[in-house]
Protein backbone atom coordinates (compact mmCIF):
# COMPACT_ATOMS: atom_id res chain seq x y z
CA UNK A 1 134.08 104.40 85.32
CA UNK A 2 134.30 102.76 88.66
CA UNK A 3 134.91 99.00 89.00
CA UNK A 4 132.16 96.94 90.49
CA UNK A 5 132.73 93.42 91.77
CA UNK A 6 129.86 91.01 92.11
CA UNK A 7 129.55 87.54 93.66
CA UNK A 8 128.91 84.95 91.00
CA UNK A 9 125.99 82.50 91.53
CA UNK A 10 126.82 78.89 90.95
CA UNK A 11 124.60 78.55 87.81
CA UNK A 12 125.71 77.80 84.35
CA UNK A 13 124.93 81.31 82.87
CA UNK A 14 127.02 83.24 85.31
CA UNK A 15 129.82 80.62 85.47
CA UNK A 16 130.05 80.45 81.72
CA UNK A 17 130.51 84.19 81.57
CA UNK A 18 133.25 83.85 84.24
CA UNK A 19 135.06 81.10 82.34
CA UNK A 20 134.72 82.79 78.99
CA UNK A 21 136.30 86.01 80.28
CA UNK A 22 139.58 84.26 80.82
CA UNK A 23 139.51 82.56 77.48
CA UNK A 24 138.69 85.81 75.71
CA UNK A 25 141.48 87.73 77.62
CA UNK A 26 144.09 85.58 75.95
CA UNK A 27 142.62 85.47 72.46
CA UNK A 28 145.40 85.35 69.90
CA UNK A 29 148.04 84.33 72.57
CA UNK A 30 149.77 81.25 71.15
CA UNK A 31 150.99 80.10 74.58
CA UNK A 32 147.71 80.17 76.46
CA UNK A 33 145.82 76.80 76.67
CA UNK A 34 142.16 77.22 77.54
CA UNK A 35 140.54 74.93 80.03
CA UNK A 36 137.91 72.44 78.83
CA UNK A 37 134.84 74.50 79.57
CA UNK A 38 132.65 71.62 80.66
CA UNK A 39 135.34 70.56 83.20
CA UNK A 40 135.72 74.08 84.54
CA UNK A 41 131.99 74.35 84.97
CA UNK A 42 131.97 71.15 86.96
CA UNK A 43 134.93 72.29 89.11
CA UNK A 44 133.29 75.61 90.08
CA UNK A 45 129.84 74.12 90.74
CA UNK A 46 129.37 72.89 94.31
CA UNK A 47 126.80 70.34 93.27
CA UNK A 48 129.32 68.74 90.80
CA UNK A 49 132.70 69.08 92.48
CA UNK A 50 133.27 66.36 95.13
CA UNK A 51 135.66 68.73 96.90
CA UNK A 52 132.43 70.47 98.24
CA UNK A 53 132.58 67.79 100.97
CA UNK A 54 135.42 69.73 102.64
CA UNK A 55 135.65 73.07 100.70
CA UNK A 56 133.33 76.02 100.30
CA UNK A 57 133.91 78.93 98.00
CA UNK A 58 132.73 82.09 96.36
CA UNK A 59 133.58 83.35 92.87
CA UNK A 60 133.66 87.04 92.06
CA UNK A 61 133.65 88.92 88.79
CA UNK A 62 134.71 92.55 88.20
CA UNK A 63 132.88 94.89 85.81
CA UNK A 64 133.68 98.29 84.43
CA UNK A 65 131.01 100.06 82.35
CA UNK A 66 129.05 96.79 82.10
CA UNK A 67 132.01 94.88 80.67
CA UNK A 68 133.82 92.10 82.57
CA UNK A 69 137.45 92.97 83.52
CA UNK A 70 138.48 90.34 86.11
CA UNK A 71 137.68 87.18 87.96
CA UNK A 72 138.70 85.40 91.20
CA UNK A 73 137.47 82.56 93.36
CA UNK A 74 138.01 82.53 97.08
CA UNK A 75 138.12 79.08 98.71
CA UNK A 76 138.26 77.74 102.21
CA UNK A 77 139.63 74.16 102.28
CA UNK A 78 138.57 72.94 105.72
CA UNK A 79 140.66 69.72 105.45
CA UNK A 80 143.77 71.60 104.51
CA UNK A 81 143.41 74.07 107.33
CA UNK A 82 142.76 71.25 109.82
CA UNK A 83 145.93 69.54 108.63
CA UNK A 84 148.11 72.63 108.91
CA UNK A 85 146.34 74.38 111.80
CA UNK A 86 146.26 77.56 109.76
CA UNK A 87 143.42 79.86 108.77
CA UNK A 88 144.20 80.10 105.03
CA UNK A 89 141.80 81.37 102.41
CA UNK A 90 142.94 80.05 99.04
CA UNK A 91 142.39 82.01 95.80
CA UNK A 92 142.51 80.80 92.22
CA UNK A 93 140.74 80.54 88.85
CA UNK A 94 141.60 84.26 88.44
CA UNK A 95 142.30 86.57 85.44
CA UNK A 96 142.28 90.30 85.11
CA UNK A 97 143.15 93.13 82.83
CA UNK A 98 146.34 95.14 83.57
CA UNK A 99 144.61 97.78 85.77
CA UNK A 100 145.49 98.39 89.43
CA UNK A 101 141.86 99.47 90.27
CA UNK A 102 140.48 96.20 88.96
CA UNK A 103 143.09 94.04 90.68
CA UNK A 104 142.62 95.93 93.98
CA UNK A 105 138.85 95.59 93.80
CA UNK A 106 139.05 91.76 93.13
CA UNK A 107 141.37 91.15 96.01
CA UNK A 108 139.38 93.45 98.36
CA UNK A 109 136.30 91.37 97.61
CA UNK A 110 138.08 88.08 98.11
CA UNK A 111 139.70 89.31 101.28
CA UNK A 112 136.42 90.51 102.72
CA UNK A 113 134.83 87.14 102.13
CA UNK A 114 137.78 85.35 103.59
CA UNK A 115 137.61 87.63 106.66
CA UNK A 116 133.95 86.91 107.02
CA UNK A 117 134.81 83.20 107.19
CA UNK A 118 137.35 83.78 110.00
CA UNK A 119 140.47 83.41 107.84
CA UNK A 120 143.54 85.50 108.42
CA UNK A 121 145.85 84.72 105.42
CA UNK A 122 145.30 84.35 101.70
CA UNK A 123 147.37 82.01 99.53
CA UNK A 124 147.33 81.17 95.86
CA UNK A 125 146.75 80.67 93.07
CA UNK A 126 145.81 77.19 94.09
CA UNK A 127 142.74 75.15 93.58
CA UNK A 128 140.50 72.94 95.72
CA UNK A 129 142.95 70.05 95.58
CA UNK A 130 146.46 69.37 94.53
CA UNK A 131 145.04 67.94 91.20
CA UNK A 132 143.74 71.37 90.29
CA UNK A 133 145.87 73.86 88.49
CA UNK A 134 148.22 75.81 90.82
CA UNK A 135 151.04 78.40 90.72
CA UNK A 136 151.23 81.75 88.87
CA UNK A 137 153.52 81.65 85.96
CA UNK A 138 156.56 83.92 86.66
CA UNK A 139 159.09 82.54 84.04
CA UNK A 140 158.44 81.01 80.67
CA UNK A 141 155.80 83.28 79.16
CA UNK A 142 156.89 82.48 75.63
CA UNK A 143 156.46 78.71 76.20
CA UNK A 144 153.22 76.85 75.14
CA UNK A 145 151.40 75.80 78.37
CA UNK A 146 149.86 72.50 79.27
CA UNK A 147 146.32 71.42 80.15
CA UNK A 148 147.45 70.86 83.77
CA UNK A 149 148.91 74.35 84.31
CA UNK A 150 147.97 78.00 84.55
CA UNK A 151 149.14 80.53 81.88
CA UNK A 152 149.03 84.24 82.74
CA UNK A 153 150.54 87.49 81.58
CA UNK A 154 153.82 88.85 83.06
CA UNK A 155 151.90 91.78 84.58
CA UNK A 156 150.23 89.46 87.13
CA UNK A 157 153.38 89.11 89.12
CA UNK A 158 153.88 92.85 89.16
CA UNK A 159 150.41 93.30 90.76
CA UNK A 160 150.99 90.57 93.34
CA UNK A 161 154.24 92.35 94.42
CA UNK A 162 152.58 95.68 94.50
CA UNK A 163 149.85 94.28 96.78
CA UNK A 164 152.46 92.98 99.16
CA UNK A 165 152.25 89.33 98.43
CA UNK A 166 155.34 87.17 99.24
CA UNK A 167 156.58 83.90 97.84
CA UNK A 168 155.02 80.90 99.60
CA UNK A 169 156.28 78.16 97.22
CA UNK A 170 157.72 77.80 93.81
CA UNK A 171 157.41 75.01 91.21
CA UNK A 172 159.61 74.37 88.22
CA UNK A 173 158.90 72.60 84.95
CA UNK A 174 161.15 70.82 82.56
CA UNK A 175 160.94 69.98 78.84
CA UNK A 176 162.60 66.61 78.37
CA UNK A 177 163.93 65.29 75.08
CA UNK A 178 162.69 61.79 74.32
CA UNK A 179 165.89 59.73 73.55
CA UNK A 180 166.28 57.22 70.78
CA UNK A 181 166.47 54.43 73.42
CA UNK A 182 166.32 53.90 77.14
CA UNK A 183 169.47 55.44 78.71
CA UNK A 184 171.84 52.57 79.51
CA UNK A 185 172.17 53.40 83.17
CA UNK A 186 168.37 53.67 83.58
CA UNK A 187 168.01 50.25 82.01
CA UNK A 188 170.60 48.67 84.29
CA UNK A 189 169.03 50.24 87.39
CA UNK A 190 165.54 49.10 86.31
CA UNK A 191 166.82 45.50 85.90
CA UNK A 192 168.66 45.46 89.24
CA UNK A 193 165.68 46.91 91.15
CA UNK A 194 163.17 44.56 89.58
CA UNK A 195 165.19 41.49 90.52
CA UNK A 196 166.20 42.78 94.02
CA UNK A 197 162.62 43.72 95.14
CA UNK A 198 160.70 41.24 92.93
CA UNK A 199 158.91 43.94 91.05
CA UNK A 200 157.35 43.90 87.68
CA UNK A 201 155.48 46.33 85.35
CA UNK A 202 151.78 45.68 84.70
CA UNK A 203 150.21 46.93 81.42
CA UNK A 204 146.57 46.98 80.26
CA UNK A 205 144.71 47.24 76.96
CA UNK A 206 141.29 47.53 78.57
CA UNK A 207 140.29 50.80 80.34
CA UNK A 208 137.49 49.06 82.10
CA UNK A 209 139.81 46.40 83.46
CA UNK A 210 142.44 48.89 84.73
CA UNK A 211 139.77 50.92 86.41
CA UNK A 212 138.35 47.86 88.02
CA UNK A 213 141.61 46.36 89.16
CA UNK A 214 143.70 49.37 90.03
CA UNK A 215 141.59 52.51 89.73
CA UNK A 216 141.25 53.06 93.47
CA UNK A 217 144.87 51.80 94.11
CA UNK A 218 146.20 54.51 91.79
CA UNK A 219 144.63 57.35 93.70
CA UNK A 220 145.32 55.71 97.09
CA UNK A 221 148.98 55.63 96.12
CA UNK A 222 148.82 59.24 95.19
CA UNK A 223 147.41 60.03 98.62
CA UNK A 224 150.31 58.10 100.19
CA UNK A 225 153.09 59.43 97.96
CA UNK A 226 151.91 63.13 97.87
CA UNK A 227 151.03 63.35 101.56
CA UNK A 228 153.81 65.79 102.51
CA UNK A 229 153.67 67.94 99.36
CA UNK A 230 152.74 71.62 99.59
CA UNK A 231 149.00 72.10 100.04
CA UNK A 232 148.15 68.47 99.58
CA UNK A 233 145.02 67.04 101.18
CA UNK A 234 144.17 63.31 100.79
CA UNK A 235 141.56 62.63 98.13
CA UNK A 236 138.30 61.39 99.55
CA UNK A 237 136.41 58.26 98.40
CA UNK A 238 134.06 60.57 96.46
CA UNK A 239 136.86 62.30 94.70
CA UNK A 240 138.58 59.05 93.81
CA UNK A 241 135.40 57.71 92.35
CA UNK A 242 135.03 61.01 90.38
CA UNK A 243 138.60 60.82 88.95
CA UNK A 244 138.33 57.19 88.05
CA UNK A 245 135.16 57.97 86.06
CA UNK A 246 136.34 61.16 84.50
CA UNK A 247 139.98 60.42 83.53
CA UNK A 248 140.87 56.81 83.19
CA UNK A 249 138.44 56.52 80.30
CA UNK A 250 140.51 58.94 78.15
CA UNK A 251 144.02 57.56 78.81
CA UNK A 252 146.21 56.10 76.18
CA UNK A 253 146.97 52.90 78.05
CA UNK A 254 150.36 52.26 76.64
CA UNK A 255 151.34 55.60 78.31
CA UNK A 256 150.37 54.17 81.79
CA UNK A 257 152.98 52.21 83.77
CA UNK A 258 152.02 50.41 86.98
CA UNK A 259 154.81 48.84 89.03
CA UNK A 260 153.65 46.09 91.33
CA UNK A 261 155.20 43.68 93.88
CA UNK A 262 154.95 39.88 93.80
CA UNK A 263 151.57 40.12 95.54
CA UNK A 264 150.34 42.55 92.87
CA UNK A 265 150.24 45.52 95.19
CA UNK A 266 150.87 48.87 93.53
CA UNK A 267 154.15 50.50 94.61
CA UNK A 268 154.80 52.99 91.77
CA UNK A 269 153.06 54.50 88.76
CA UNK A 270 153.61 56.75 85.87
CA UNK A 271 150.61 58.24 83.94
CA UNK A 272 151.18 60.29 80.83
CA UNK A 273 148.90 61.68 78.14
CA UNK A 274 149.50 63.06 74.60
CA UNK A 275 149.60 66.78 74.89
CA UNK A 276 146.15 68.34 74.38
CA UNK A 277 147.42 71.87 74.31
CA UNK A 278 147.03 72.50 70.58
CA UNK A 279 143.70 70.67 70.46
CA UNK A 280 142.20 72.80 73.28
CA UNK A 281 143.51 75.85 71.55
CA UNK A 282 141.83 74.95 68.29
CA UNK A 283 138.46 74.24 70.05
CA UNK A 284 138.92 77.21 72.44
CA UNK A 285 137.94 74.91 75.26
CA UNK A 286 134.72 73.81 73.59
CA UNK A 287 133.66 70.28 72.74
CA UNK A 288 131.18 71.51 70.12
CA UNK A 289 130.94 71.69 67.28
CA UNK A 290 134.40 70.35 66.46
CA UNK A 291 136.39 70.63 69.68
CA UNK A 292 135.77 66.93 70.49
CA UNK A 293 137.38 65.93 67.11
CA UNK A 294 140.57 67.92 67.87
CA UNK A 295 140.75 66.25 71.27
CA UNK A 296 140.13 62.75 69.92
CA UNK A 297 142.73 63.30 67.18
CA UNK A 298 145.31 64.25 69.78
CA UNK A 299 144.48 61.32 72.12
CA UNK A 300 144.51 58.73 69.37
CA UNK A 301 146.78 60.28 66.72
CA UNK A 302 150.38 61.62 66.51
CA UNK A 303 151.57 64.65 68.58
CA UNK A 304 155.11 65.68 69.32
CA UNK A 305 154.69 66.18 73.09
CA UNK A 306 153.55 63.96 75.94
CA UNK A 307 152.52 65.35 79.26
CA UNK A 308 153.67 63.59 82.43
CA UNK A 309 150.55 63.88 84.46
CA UNK A 310 151.34 61.74 87.57
CA UNK A 311 154.48 59.99 88.87
CA UNK A 312 154.19 58.52 92.29
CA UNK A 313 156.34 56.02 94.30
CA UNK A 314 155.24 54.37 97.56
CA UNK A 315 157.23 56.02 100.38
CA UNK A 316 158.76 52.74 101.56
CA UNK A 317 160.28 52.32 98.07
CA UNK A 318 161.74 55.77 97.72
CA UNK A 319 165.42 56.28 96.91
CA UNK A 320 165.55 52.63 95.74
CA UNK A 321 165.51 53.30 92.00
CA UNK A 322 161.90 52.09 91.47
CA UNK A 323 161.14 55.05 89.28
CA UNK A 324 163.69 53.65 86.76
CA UNK A 325 161.15 50.76 86.16
CA UNK A 326 158.52 53.32 85.26
CA UNK A 327 160.59 55.06 82.63
CA UNK A 328 162.27 51.95 81.37
CA UNK A 329 158.70 50.94 80.45
CA UNK A 330 157.43 54.36 79.21
CA UNK A 331 160.36 55.49 77.14
CA UNK A 332 159.92 52.77 74.45
CA UNK A 333 156.20 53.58 74.38
CA UNK A 334 157.01 57.22 73.95
CA UNK A 335 159.36 56.47 71.07
CA UNK A 336 156.84 54.21 69.43
CA UNK A 337 154.08 56.81 69.69
CA UNK A 338 156.36 59.42 68.04
CA UNK A 339 156.67 61.81 70.92
CA UNK A 340 159.78 64.12 70.66
CA UNK A 341 159.48 65.83 74.02
CA UNK A 342 157.93 65.25 77.49
CA UNK A 343 156.54 67.95 79.70
CA UNK A 344 157.20 67.28 83.42
CA UNK A 345 154.46 69.66 84.61
CA UNK A 346 154.89 71.15 88.06
CA UNK A 347 157.54 70.04 90.55
CA UNK A 348 158.24 71.73 93.83
CA UNK A 349 161.64 73.46 93.40
CA UNK A 350 163.10 71.72 96.42
CA UNK A 351 161.83 68.22 95.43
CA UNK A 352 165.14 66.83 94.54
CA UNK A 353 163.94 63.21 94.44
CA UNK A 354 161.63 64.12 91.57
CA UNK A 355 164.20 66.21 89.71
CA UNK A 356 166.77 63.44 89.96
CA UNK A 357 164.55 61.26 87.73
CA UNK A 358 165.57 63.43 84.76
CA UNK A 359 169.31 63.38 85.37
CA UNK A 360 169.96 60.82 82.51
CA UNK A 361 167.79 62.72 80.05
CA UNK A 362 168.44 65.88 78.03
CA UNK A 363 166.33 68.50 79.54
CA UNK A 364 165.78 72.23 80.18
CA UNK A 365 163.97 74.03 82.90
CA UNK A 366 161.60 76.28 80.97
CA UNK A 367 158.94 77.47 83.35
CA UNK A 368 158.62 78.57 87.00
CA UNK A 369 155.49 79.36 88.85
CA UNK A 370 154.70 80.65 92.35
CA UNK A 371 152.13 80.51 95.08
CA UNK A 372 151.84 83.87 96.96
CA UNK A 373 150.84 84.51 100.47
CA UNK A 374 149.67 87.66 102.34
CA UNK A 375 147.76 88.54 105.52
CA UNK A 376 144.14 89.37 105.05
CA UNK A 377 144.04 92.98 106.21
CA UNK A 378 141.57 94.01 109.00
CA UNK A 379 138.36 95.56 107.64
CA UNK A 380 139.28 99.04 108.94
CA UNK A 381 142.54 99.00 106.81
CA UNK A 382 140.72 98.26 103.51
CA UNK A 383 140.20 101.34 101.49
C-alpha cells in the first residue's frame, strides 16, 4: 500500500496520536525513555508553547493502510535565522519505521512545507529552542537514555545518509562516577577561586524563594553563557516565565548550586535532577493512573543516577575555575543522596571548556548524537 502523509492539526486528539506513535514504536525497548505526554502536548501546541512568539511549525504523520508509520515536525525559527542570516527549516520530534518509502514521504512533506516558507536548507533533529531535545543518537544504542535526550534506532542514521544529509554538529555525553569525596584538586581550586574572587555558594530550601530571588537570573545567565552555542537563541521573557513555573517547582533543591559574587549577583550555576528515566518508562509517559507516583518516588526517593541538566558560567568568569565551586558543593549532595553516577547530557564535541570539568572524575563517553543538514531540493527535483 502507498504511504500517505497528512499535516497534523494542533488539537489534542491528533497530537496525542502523533506522540503515542513514537512511544508505541519503542515498546519493549529498555533504553528508550518516553517523553512526559502532557509536556510534549504543550510543546507541540502553538497556543501553549511560548516559542510560538518567534517560531511557526507544522507536524506531519505518515500512514500506510490506515496505520501510522512515521512522524516529523517542520519548524521555522525566525529568531535563529535572523541571528545566523540563514534560511533554515528545522526538523524534529520525528520517528519512523524502517522503510525507505515512509522516510522519503515524511522528508518530502517537510521539505515542501519548508520550501513554501522560503527556506533553502533543513537541519535537525533540533527543537524550537536549545532546551528542547536535540541530536540524533548515532552511538550508544545500548545505553539507557535520559529525559533530556532523544533515543532512536540505529537505522535512523542509515536513512539520513541515504537521503544525502551531512553532519552539521555532534554532541557527546559522559557517564561520570560519583566519587566517595570531592577530588582534592577540585576542593583546592574551589577554595582558591572563592577567596580570590569573593564568591560563595547560595543554597535554598524553599522553591518559592529561589524562584522569586533567582528564577529570572538563572535563565538570564543561561542566555548569556550559551549565546555562542550551536543553534542557541536567547530565551524570551515569556519563555523564562514558563520555565520558572514549569521546572523550578520540581527540583530537588540540594541538587541546585548557585555561585554568587559579593553583591549577590549570579555568576555560575549547576542544576541537577534525580534521573526520571525509569519512572517515565514505568508510566509510559503518562501521569495517570500511576505515572505521577513513579515520578514522585524518583524525585523524592533514592535513585542511582543524577542528570546534570544545566551548568553555566558567566563569560567574564570563564577559565577561572569557578565551575569547581559548583561541583565542590554538588558532589557531597550527590553522595548524601546516594547517587552512583551522573549523566552529563549533551555537550558539543568541541566544547573543551565543558569537557575539562570532568577531568578529575572517573568517566566514560557513552553516547554521541548528531544534527544533520541538507539542501531543500527544488520542487521539480522531488519525485
